[in-house]
Amino acid sequence: MGYEINKEGDALIVKVYGEFDLHAADYARRDIDKYIRSQGAKHIVFDLGDLTFIDSSGLGVILGRYRHISEKGGRVAISGVPPTILKVMEISGLTRLIPFYTDFASALQSVS
């Protein structure tokens, strides 16, 4: 699993690729929270177009950041989720909380 974190405007962009599992979740959680604090990000867009696997730990990272950002009045969006990963997110209920977009540009626009 790998991830890149960048800031665009007041949105933190988190691009996750490969496997988002227990091993990677702690690192991602720590780094995303660090970026939120240090960069003053108000919103988050998770770009999951290159994700191949996600488990409950990865889902927990997304859900936890959603709660954190929402409590501060910010928005979270998710883009480019592969169909097999989308099914897991639907079953978990994440799709009822966070808006999903097929492309990154639409997701970014939704939080801007």
Protein backbone atom coordinates (compact mmCIF):
# COMPACT_ATOMS: atom_id res chain seq x y z
CA MET A 1 0.00 0.00 0.00
CA GLY A 2 1.09 3.45 -0.71
CA TYR A 3 -0.39 6.89 -0.44
CA GLU A 4 0.34 10.44 -1.37
CA ILE A 5 -0.92 13.43 0.54
CA ASN A 6 -1.10 16.87 -1.04
CA LYS A 7 -3.05 20.03 -0.46
CA GLU A 8 -5.08 21.85 -3.07
CA GLY A 9 -6.73 25.02 -1.80
CA ASP A 10 -8.26 24.17 1.55
CA ALA A 11 -8.64 20.47 0.66
CA LEU A 12 -6.29 17.68 1.57
CA ILE A 13 -5.92 15.19 -1.28
CA VAL A 14 -5.21 11.62 -0.16
CA LYS A 15 -4.40 9.27 -3.04
CA VAL A 16 -4.33 5.67 -1.87
CA TYR A 17 -3.10 2.80 -4.03
CA GLY A 18 -2.52 -0.90 -3.53
CA GLU A 19 -3.81 -2.54 -0.37
CA PHE A 20 -5.26 -0.42 2.44
CA ASP A 21 -5.12 -2.87 5.32
CA LEU A 22 -4.20 -3.08 9.00
CA HIS A 23 -0.49 -2.71 8.27
CA ALA A 24 -0.96 0.54 6.35
CA ALA A 25 -3.86 2.03 8.31
CA ASP A 26 -1.85 3.22 11.31
CA TYR A 27 0.70 5.01 9.13
CA ALA A 28 -1.98 6.60 6.97
CA ARG A 29 -4.04 7.73 9.98
CA ARG A 30 -0.99 9.32 11.61
CA ASP A 31 0.16 11.06 8.44
CA ILE A 32 -3.28 12.32 7.44
CA ASP A 33 -3.92 13.74 10.92
CA LYS A 34 -0.48 15.38 10.88
CA TYR A 35 -1.23 17.02 7.53
CA ILE A 36 -4.64 18.21 8.73
CA ARG A 37 -3.01 19.91 11.73
CA SER A 38 0.04 21.31 9.97
CA GLN A 39 -1.59 22.35 6.68
CA GLY A 40 -4.88 23.61 8.08
CA ALA A 41 -6.93 21.53 5.68
CA LYS A 42 -10.68 21.99 5.99
CA HIS A 43 -11.80 19.25 3.57
CA ILE A 44 -10.51 15.86 2.36
CA VAL A 45 -10.79 14.07 -0.96
CA PHE A 46 -9.81 10.41 -0.95
CA ASP A 47 -8.74 9.37 -4.46
CA LEU A 48 -9.10 5.58 -4.49
CA GLY A 49 -8.82 4.90 -8.21
CA ASP A 50 -5.72 2.72 -7.78
CA LEU A 51 -6.89 0.85 -4.68
CA THR A 52 -6.85 -2.95 -5.01
CA PHE A 53 -7.97 -4.02 -1.51
CA ILE A 54 -9.42 -2.48 1.64
CA ASP A 55 -10.23 -4.04 4.99
CA SER A 56 -11.99 -2.71 8.08
CA SER A 57 -8.85 -0.89 9.20
CA GLY A 58 -8.71 1.09 5.97
CA LEU A 59 -12.43 1.81 6.19
CA GLY A 60 -11.87 2.95 9.76
CA VAL A 61 -9.24 5.47 8.67
CA ILE A 62 -11.64 6.98 6.15
CA LEU A 63 -14.55 7.01 8.58
CA GLY A 64 -12.45 8.51 11.37
CA ARG A 65 -11.18 11.33 9.15
CA TYR A 66 -14.77 11.91 7.98
CA ARG A 67 -15.92 12.33 11.58
CA HIS A 68 -13.00 14.59 12.45
CA ILE A 69 -13.46 16.86 9.43
CA SER A 70 -17.28 16.92 9.73
CA GLU A 71 -17.08 18.02 13.37
CA LYS A 72 -15.11 21.04 12.19
CA GLY A 73 -17.64 21.90 9.47
CA GLY A 74 -15.63 20.45 6.61
CA ARG A 75 -16.58 18.00 3.86
CA VAL A 76 -15.16 14.70 2.66
CA ALA A 77 -15.53 13.15 -0.78
CA ILE A 78 -14.28 9.93 -2.36
CA SER A 79 -13.40 9.46 -6.01
CA GLY A 80 -12.63 6.71 -8.47
CA VAL A 81 -13.51 3.67 -6.39
CA PRO A 82 -13.06 0.37 -8.30
CA PRO A 83 -16.30 -1.70 -8.46
CA THR A 84 -15.06 -4.47 -6.15
CA ILE A 85 -13.99 -1.93 -3.52
CA LEU A 86 -17.24 0.01 -3.94
CA LYS A 87 -19.21 -3.10 -3.03
CA VAL A 88 -17.32 -3.36 0.29
CA MET A 89 -17.99 0.32 0.97
CA GLU A 90 -21.68 -0.08 0.21
CA ILE A 91 -21.94 -3.04 2.60
CA SER A 92 -20.11 -1.08 5.32
CA GLY A 93 -22.54 1.84 4.95
CA LEU A 94 -19.82 4.32 4.02
CA THR A 95 -21.63 5.29 0.82
CA ARG A 96 -24.55 6.61 2.89
CA LEU A 97 -22.27 9.01 4.78
CA ILE A 98 -19.75 10.24 2.25
CA PRO A 99 -20.45 11.32 -1.34
CA PHE A 100 -18.75 9.19 -3.99
CA TYR A 101 -17.72 10.48 -7.42
CA THR A 102 -16.46 8.62 -10.47
CA ASP A 103 -13.78 11.21 -11.19
CA PHE A 104 -11.40 13.21 -9.05
CA ALA A 105 -12.30 16.61 -10.50
CA SER A 106 -15.96 16.24 -9.49
CA ALA A 107 -14.99 15.13 -5.98
CA LEU A 108 -12.65 18.07 -5.55
CA GLN A 109 -15.26 20.49 -6.84
CA SER A 110 -17.81 19.12 -4.35
CA VAL A 111 -15.66 20.13 -1.37
CA SER A 112 -14.45 23.44 -2.76
